[in-house]
Amino acid sequence: MCPSRLEVSLGTNKRYAASIDRDAIARINQGVMREGQPESLNDVELELDRLPLTKTPQPEQVRVWVHYGRKAIRIDAELVAWTPRACAVSRDCGAAYP
């Protein structure tokens, strides 16, 4: 069967594809963040009685994975404290990335 002249072929926007994908994923991540609170480690998991805790006077910009229930998203955050096995971050809800 020959294609008719009225058929339209849909393509992708190659010039802005990365931006479009990033915006779509950011909207999904923001929806995940609105649905609940991020999970935190408990005292047993942190092992603060055994591991040293370092706090920084000047937070550093980091990109971290954060769990919201069974969903994990990657966000920009500020690193405020850490142990050899975990870190504490302060987050900006508007900056979620793939």
C-alpha atoms as a PDB file:
ATOM      1  CA  MET A   1       0.000   0.000   0.000  1.00  0.00           C
ATOM      2  CA  CYS A   2       1.391   3.386  -0.973  1.00  0.00           C
ATOM      3  CA  PRO A   3       1.341   6.196   1.552  1.00  0.00           C
ATOM      4  CA  SER A   4      -1.032   8.999   0.678  1.00  0.00           C
ATOM      5  CA  ARG A   5       0.162  12.539   0.282  1.00  0.00           C
ATOM      6  CA  LEU A   6      -1.887  13.550   3.331  1.00  0.00           C
ATOM      7  CA  GLU A   7       0.096  11.390   5.746  1.00  0.00           C
ATOM      8  CA  VAL A   8       2.065  13.402   8.227  1.00  0.00           C
ATOM      9  CA  SER A   9       5.221  12.116   9.791  1.00  0.00           C
ATOM     10  CA  LEU A  10       5.826  13.239  13.358  1.00  0.00           C
ATOM     11  CA  GLY A  11       9.402  13.779  14.436  1.00  0.00           C
ATOM     12  CA  THR A  12      11.246  14.957  17.483  1.00  0.00           C
ATOM     13  CA  ASN A  13      12.480  18.385  18.346  1.00  0.00           C
ATOM     14  CA  LYS A  14      16.198  17.650  18.210  1.00  0.00           C
ATOM     15  CA  ARG A  15      17.245  21.172  19.074  1.00  0.00           C
ATOM     16  CA  TYR A  16      15.298  21.343  22.357  1.00  0.00           C
ATOM     17  CA  ALA A  17      14.874  17.637  23.162  1.00  0.00           C
ATOM     18  CA  ALA A  18      17.131  17.694  26.246  1.00  0.00           C
ATOM     19  CA  SER A  19      15.361  20.751  27.628  1.00  0.00           C
ATOM     20  CA  ILE A  20      11.920  19.264  27.032  1.00  0.00           C
ATOM     21  CA  ASP A  21      12.937  15.977  28.694  1.00  0.00           C
ATOM     22  CA  ARG A  22      14.494  17.799  31.671  1.00  0.00           C
ATOM     23  CA  ASP A  23      11.359  19.919  32.175  1.00  0.00           C
ATOM     24  CA  ALA A  24       9.080  16.866  32.004  1.00  0.00           C
ATOM     25  CA  ILE A  25      11.168  14.938  34.528  1.00  0.00           C
ATOM     26  CA  ALA A  26      11.331  17.977  36.826  1.00  0.00           C
ATOM     27  CA  ARG A  27       7.503  18.196  36.788  1.00  0.00           C
ATOM     28  CA  ILE A  28       7.240  14.479  37.641  1.00  0.00           C
ATOM     29  CA  ASN A  29       9.772  14.848  40.468  1.00  0.00           C
ATOM     30  CA  GLN A  30       7.959  17.874  41.878  1.00  0.00           C
ATOM     31  CA  GLY A  31       4.748  15.831  41.921  1.00  0.00           C
ATOM     32  CA  VAL A  32       6.527  13.073  43.857  1.00  0.00           C
ATOM     33  CA  MET A  33       7.797  15.645  46.373  1.00  0.00           C
ATOM     34  CA  ARG A  34       4.286  17.084  46.865  1.00  0.00           C
ATOM     35  CA  GLU A  35       2.901  13.607  47.650  1.00  0.00           C
ATOM     36  CA  GLY A  36       4.903  13.102  50.827  1.00  0.00           C
ATOM     37  CA  GLN A  37       8.009  13.621  52.889  1.00  0.00           C
ATOM     38  CA  PRO A  38      11.481  12.300  52.092  1.00  0.00           C
ATOM     39  CA  GLU A  39      12.613   9.294  54.071  1.00  0.00           C
ATOM     40  CA  SER A  40      15.263   9.790  56.733  1.00  0.00           C
ATOM     41  CA  LEU A  41      17.600   7.310  58.326  1.00  0.00           C
ATOM     42  CA  ASN A  42      16.879   6.365  61.933  1.00  0.00           C
ATOM     43  CA  ASP A  43      19.406   6.470  64.800  1.00  0.00           C
ATOM     44  CA  VAL A  44      20.359   2.816  64.366  1.00  0.00           C
ATOM     45  CA  GLU A  45      21.057   3.328  60.651  1.00  0.00           C
ATOM     46  CA  LEU A  46      23.047   6.534  61.272  1.00  0.00           C
ATOM     47  CA  GLU A  47      25.248   4.866  63.931  1.00  0.00           C
ATOM     48  CA  LEU A  48      25.942   8.241  65.555  1.00  0.00           C
ATOM     49  CA  ASP A  49      27.047   6.455  68.736  1.00  0.00           C
ATOM     50  CA  ARG A  50      29.876   4.847  66.728  1.00  0.00           C
ATOM     51  CA  LEU A  51      30.633   7.138  63.761  1.00  0.00           C
ATOM     52  CA  PRO A  52      31.818  10.768  63.868  1.00  0.00           C
ATOM     53  CA  LEU A  53      29.431  13.472  62.662  1.00  0.00           C
ATOM     54  CA  THR A  54      30.933  16.376  60.714  1.00  0.00           C
ATOM     55  CA  LYS A  55      28.984  19.634  60.392  1.00  0.00           C
ATOM     56  CA  THR A  56      30.040  22.321  57.961  1.00  0.00           C
ATOM     57  CA  PRO A  57      29.675  26.052  58.662  1.00  0.00           C
ATOM     58  CA  GLN A  58      29.356  26.673  54.906  1.00  0.00           C
ATOM     59  CA  PRO A  59      26.953  24.244  53.133  1.00  0.00           C
ATOM     60  CA  GLU A  60      28.126  22.810  49.814  1.00  0.00           C
ATOM     61  CA  GLN A  61      25.958  22.402  46.702  1.00  0.00           C
ATOM     62  CA  VAL A  62      25.396  18.718  45.899  1.00  0.00           C
ATOM     63  CA  ARG A  63      23.118  16.548  43.758  1.00  0.00           C
ATOM     64  CA  VAL A  64      21.689  13.617  45.745  1.00  0.00           C
ATOM     65  CA  TRP A  65      19.197  10.773  45.476  1.00  0.00           C
ATOM     66  CA  VAL A  66      16.298  11.092  47.923  1.00  0.00           C
ATOM     67  CA  HIS A  67      13.677   8.413  48.602  1.00  0.00           C
ATOM     68  CA  TYR A  68       9.977   9.256  48.841  1.00  0.00           C
ATOM     69  CA  GLY A  69       8.461   5.915  49.771  1.00  0.00           C
ATOM     70  CA  ARG A  70       9.346   3.530  46.942  1.00  0.00           C
ATOM     71  CA  LYS A  71      10.253   6.360  44.573  1.00  0.00           C
ATOM     72  CA  ALA A  72      13.756   7.827  44.366  1.00  0.00           C
ATOM     73  CA  ILE A  73      14.421  11.189  42.766  1.00  0.00           C
ATOM     74  CA  ARG A  74      17.589  13.178  42.202  1.00  0.00           C
ATOM     75  CA  ILE A  75      17.613  16.730  43.576  1.00  0.00           C
ATOM     76  CA  ASP A  76      19.976  19.652  44.042  1.00  0.00           C
ATOM     77  CA  ALA A  77      20.561  20.262  47.741  1.00  0.00           C
ATOM     78  CA  GLU A  78      23.000  21.713  50.255  1.00  0.00           C
ATOM     79  CA  LEU A  79      25.241  19.343  52.203  1.00  0.00           C
ATOM     80  CA  VAL A  80      25.117  20.410  55.873  1.00  0.00           C
ATOM     81  CA  ALA A  81      26.493  17.378  57.767  1.00  0.00           C
ATOM     82  CA  TRP A  82      27.826  13.870  57.165  1.00  0.00           C
ATOM     83  CA  THR A  83      29.232  10.668  58.603  1.00  0.00           C
ATOM     84  CA  PRO A  84      31.358   8.132  56.732  1.00  0.00           C
ATOM     85  CA  ARG A  85      28.089   6.406  55.652  1.00  0.00           C
ATOM     86  CA  ALA A  86      25.412   9.094  55.344  1.00  0.00           C
ATOM     87  CA  CYS A  87      24.851  12.778  54.703  1.00  0.00           C
ATOM     88  CA  ALA A  88      22.353  15.389  55.854  1.00  0.00           C
ATOM     89  CA  VAL A  89      21.082  17.761  53.201  1.00  0.00           C
ATOM     90  CA  SER A  90      18.881  20.800  53.050  1.00  0.00           C
ATOM     91  CA  ARG A  91      16.828  20.800  49.874  1.00  0.00           C
ATOM     92  CA  ASP A  92      15.165  23.238  47.522  1.00  0.00           C
ATOM     93  CA  CYS A  93      11.863  21.714  46.386  1.00  0.00           C
ATOM     94  CA  GLY A  94      12.029  23.542  43.083  1.00  0.00           C
ATOM     95  CA  ALA A  95      15.200  21.841  41.856  1.00  0.00           C
ATOM     96  CA  ALA A  96      14.569  18.210  40.971  1.00  0.00           C
ATOM     97  CA  TYR A  97      16.491  16.557  38.167  1.00  0.00           C
ATOM     98  CA  PRO A  98      16.726  13.246  36.332  1.00  0.00           C
END
